[in-house]
Amino acid sequence: MQIANGRLQIGMSLPPSHFKLHTSDFTPQASHFRRPTSDFPLLVALLVLSVSACSGSAERPLLERFFSAARLRDRTALADVATTAFEPRERGTVLSFDVVSVQPTVTDGKDVTVSARLRLPSGETIDRALVVSERQIGGQWMVTAVRDASTPASSPGSPASPRS
C-alpha cells in the first residue's frame, strides 16, 4: 500500500498508456454486420399452427357453454344449449376439456369425444373420456346426451340420458 497525492493506492499501478483507447476498438468488422436471415415466414407458420391447435374445434364453444351452465346448475342457460343435464352433484364438474374426435351419427347428429378433467362430488380430481352427443334442433346445435366413453351409446336410464 502506498499513499500518493493524498490517496491510498492498493496493489500495482498501471502506466497511463494502459488506459488509452485504440481505434481498432471502434472499427466495425465484417462479422458485426452479418445480415440476419428472414425467419418471418417460419414464425407466421408456427403462429398459425399454434392458434389453430389451441382454438379447438367448432364444437368447443357449445361445449364450453354447456359445461359452464352445468357447473353452475343454471337451468335457464342449459335450456339454450342442451336437452340434457350434467348434474354436478352426481357426476361432478368439468374443470377443463379437449376435443379428441368428432364422429357423425346416423341421426344427423354427431358424437364428440372429449378428454375431460373432472372434480367429482367427493372432491377427487380425475381425467375421464366423455362422449357428448349433439344434434341440430330448430337450426341450432344442442347437446342431447353425455356419457362416459366406456358406456355404450344405448344405455337407457344412465345419468346423462335426455330429460323429459
Protein backbone atom coordinates (compact mmCIF):
# COMPACT_ATOMS: atom_id res chain seq x y z
CA MET A 1 0.00 0.00 0.00
CA GLN A 2 1.17 3.49 -0.79
CA ILE A 3 -0.07 6.97 -0.21
CA ALA A 4 0.49 9.26 -3.19
CA ASN A 5 -1.08 12.66 -3.78
CA GLY A 6 -3.18 12.17 -0.67
CA ARG A 7 -4.75 8.97 -1.98
CA LEU A 8 -4.31 5.46 -0.78
CA GLN A 9 -3.20 3.16 -3.58
CA ILE A 10 -3.58 -0.57 -3.20
CA GLY A 11 -1.93 -3.11 -5.46
CA MET A 12 0.15 -2.42 -8.51
CA SER A 13 -0.12 0.71 -10.53
CA LEU A 14 -0.63 0.63 -14.27
CA PRO A 15 1.03 3.04 -16.65
CA PRO A 16 -1.21 5.70 -18.26
CA SER A 17 -0.64 4.10 -21.69
CA HIS A 18 -2.68 1.14 -20.46
CA PHE A 19 -5.83 3.25 -20.40
CA LYS A 20 -5.58 4.58 -23.96
CA LEU A 21 -8.29 3.51 -26.35
CA HIS A 22 -7.22 2.11 -29.65
CA THR A 23 -9.03 3.00 -32.86
CA SER A 24 -9.31 -0.69 -33.64
CA ASP A 25 -11.74 -0.96 -30.69
CA PHE A 26 -14.29 1.05 -32.70
CA THR A 27 -13.62 -0.25 -36.20
CA PRO A 28 -16.51 -2.39 -37.43
CA GLN A 29 -15.59 -5.83 -38.55
CA ALA A 30 -17.37 -7.88 -41.19
CA SER A 31 -18.70 -10.32 -38.58
CA HIS A 32 -20.59 -7.49 -36.83
CA PHE A 33 -22.63 -6.76 -39.94
CA ARG A 34 -23.98 -10.25 -40.59
CA ARG A 35 -27.26 -9.89 -42.40
CA PRO A 36 -29.98 -11.63 -40.38
CA THR A 37 -31.82 -14.36 -42.21
CA SER A 38 -35.54 -13.88 -42.55
CA ASP A 39 -37.40 -16.23 -40.24
CA PHE A 40 -40.64 -14.34 -40.73
CA PRO A 41 -42.39 -17.00 -42.89
CA LEU A 42 -41.42 -19.70 -40.40
CA LEU A 43 -42.71 -17.62 -37.48
CA VAL A 44 -46.01 -16.96 -39.24
CA ALA A 45 -46.45 -20.66 -39.97
CA LEU A 46 -45.76 -21.58 -36.34
CA LEU A 47 -48.18 -18.93 -35.12
CA VAL A 48 -50.95 -20.18 -37.40
CA LEU A 49 -50.40 -23.78 -36.31
CA SER A 50 -50.38 -22.93 -32.62
CA VAL A 51 -53.53 -20.79 -32.86
CA SER A 52 -55.40 -23.45 -34.80
CA ALA A 53 -54.28 -26.17 -32.36
CA CYS A 54 -55.32 -24.14 -29.32
CA SER A 55 -58.59 -22.90 -30.69
CA GLY A 56 -60.08 -26.41 -30.75
CA SER A 57 -62.94 -27.29 -33.00
CA ALA A 58 -66.26 -25.80 -33.96
CA GLU A 59 -67.82 -27.86 -31.16
CA ARG A 60 -65.79 -26.20 -28.41
CA PRO A 61 -67.92 -23.04 -27.86
CA LEU A 62 -71.11 -25.10 -27.42
CA LEU A 63 -69.36 -27.50 -25.03
CA GLU A 64 -67.88 -24.61 -23.02
CA ARG A 65 -71.34 -23.07 -22.60
CA PHE A 66 -72.83 -26.44 -21.69
CA PHE A 67 -70.22 -27.41 -19.09
CA SER A 68 -70.21 -23.89 -17.62
CA ALA A 69 -74.00 -23.85 -17.23
CA ALA A 70 -73.94 -27.38 -15.82
CA ARG A 71 -71.23 -26.44 -13.28
CA LEU A 72 -73.38 -23.51 -12.09
CA ARG A 73 -76.58 -25.60 -12.27
CA ASP A 74 -78.02 -22.80 -14.41
CA ARG A 75 -81.14 -24.43 -15.87
CA THR A 76 -82.01 -21.36 -17.98
CA ALA A 77 -78.60 -21.31 -19.68
CA LEU A 78 -78.73 -25.10 -20.10
CA ALA A 79 -82.08 -24.86 -21.87
CA ASP A 80 -80.43 -22.68 -24.54
CA VAL A 81 -77.74 -25.25 -25.37
CA ALA A 82 -78.96 -28.68 -24.24
CA THR A 83 -81.82 -31.08 -23.81
CA THR A 84 -79.91 -32.91 -21.07
CA ALA A 85 -78.05 -32.02 -17.91
CA PHE A 86 -74.66 -32.92 -16.49
CA GLU A 87 -75.54 -32.93 -12.81
CA PRO A 88 -72.55 -31.79 -10.71
CA ARG A 89 -73.89 -33.40 -7.52
CA GLU A 90 -73.96 -36.80 -9.22
CA ARG A 91 -71.26 -36.71 -11.92
CA GLY A 92 -69.01 -33.86 -10.83
CA THR A 93 -67.97 -30.71 -12.66
CA VAL A 94 -65.86 -30.44 -15.78
CA LEU A 95 -62.85 -28.25 -14.97
CA SER A 96 -61.29 -28.41 -18.44
CA PHE A 97 -61.55 -30.47 -21.60
CA ASP A 98 -60.01 -31.08 -25.01
CA VAL A 99 -61.92 -32.25 -28.07
CA VAL A 100 -60.43 -35.58 -29.12
CA SER A 101 -62.66 -36.56 -32.04
CA VAL A 102 -65.95 -35.82 -33.78
CA GLN A 103 -67.95 -38.66 -35.38
CA PRO A 104 -71.17 -38.23 -37.38
CA THR A 105 -74.14 -40.32 -36.19
CA VAL A 106 -76.95 -41.97 -38.12
CA THR A 107 -79.46 -39.50 -36.64
CA ASP A 108 -77.90 -36.47 -38.41
CA GLY A 109 -76.02 -35.60 -35.27
CA LYS A 110 -72.51 -36.08 -34.04
CA ASP A 111 -70.72 -37.66 -31.12
CA VAL A 112 -67.92 -35.50 -29.75
CA THR A 113 -65.36 -37.35 -27.65
CA VAL A 114 -63.63 -35.13 -25.10
CA SER A 115 -60.84 -35.76 -22.66
CA ALA A 116 -62.14 -34.03 -19.54
CA ARG A 117 -60.68 -33.13 -16.17
CA LEU A 118 -63.47 -33.70 -13.63
CA ARG A 119 -63.84 -32.75 -10.00
CA LEU A 120 -66.04 -35.48 -8.53
CA PRO A 121 -68.60 -34.77 -5.79
CA SER A 122 -66.15 -36.40 -3.36
CA GLY A 123 -63.61 -33.66 -4.20
CA GLU A 124 -61.30 -36.01 -6.08
CA THR A 125 -59.99 -34.74 -9.44
CA ILE A 126 -59.75 -37.27 -12.28
CA ASP A 127 -59.30 -37.44 -16.05
CA ARG A 128 -62.11 -39.11 -17.94
CA ALA A 129 -63.16 -39.55 -21.57
CA LEU A 130 -66.71 -38.40 -22.23
CA VAL A 131 -68.85 -38.70 -25.34
CA VAL A 132 -71.14 -35.72 -25.88
CA SER A 133 -73.97 -36.28 -28.38
CA GLU A 134 -75.05 -33.22 -30.35
CA ARG A 135 -77.97 -32.75 -32.71
CA GLN A 136 -79.42 -29.84 -34.61
CA ILE A 137 -82.74 -28.79 -33.13
CA GLY A 138 -84.53 -25.82 -34.63
CA GLY A 139 -81.46 -24.95 -36.72
CA GLN A 140 -79.19 -24.85 -33.66
CA TRP A 141 -76.71 -27.44 -32.40
CA MET A 142 -77.64 -28.70 -28.94
CA VAL A 143 -76.16 -31.21 -26.51
CA THR A 144 -78.57 -34.13 -26.27
CA ALA A 145 -76.62 -36.60 -24.10
CA VAL A 146 -73.37 -37.03 -22.19
CA ARG A 147 -71.95 -40.43 -21.30
CA ASP A 148 -68.68 -41.95 -20.24
CA ALA A 149 -66.74 -43.18 -23.26
CA SER A 150 -66.73 -46.68 -21.77
CA THR A 151 -70.56 -46.74 -21.60
CA PRO A 152 -72.44 -47.97 -24.70
CA ALA A 153 -74.47 -45.31 -26.54
CA SER A 154 -77.81 -47.02 -25.98
CA SER A 155 -77.80 -47.44 -22.22
CA PRO A 156 -81.22 -46.31 -21.02
CA GLY A 157 -81.52 -44.83 -17.57
CA SER A 158 -77.93 -43.57 -17.44
CA PRO A 159 -77.42 -40.34 -15.51
CA ALA A 160 -76.85 -38.49 -18.78
CA SER A 161 -79.96 -39.66 -20.59
CA PRO A 162 -82.11 -36.86 -22.02
CA ARG A 163 -84.55 -35.32 -19.60
CA SER A 164 -88.24 -35.49 -20.32
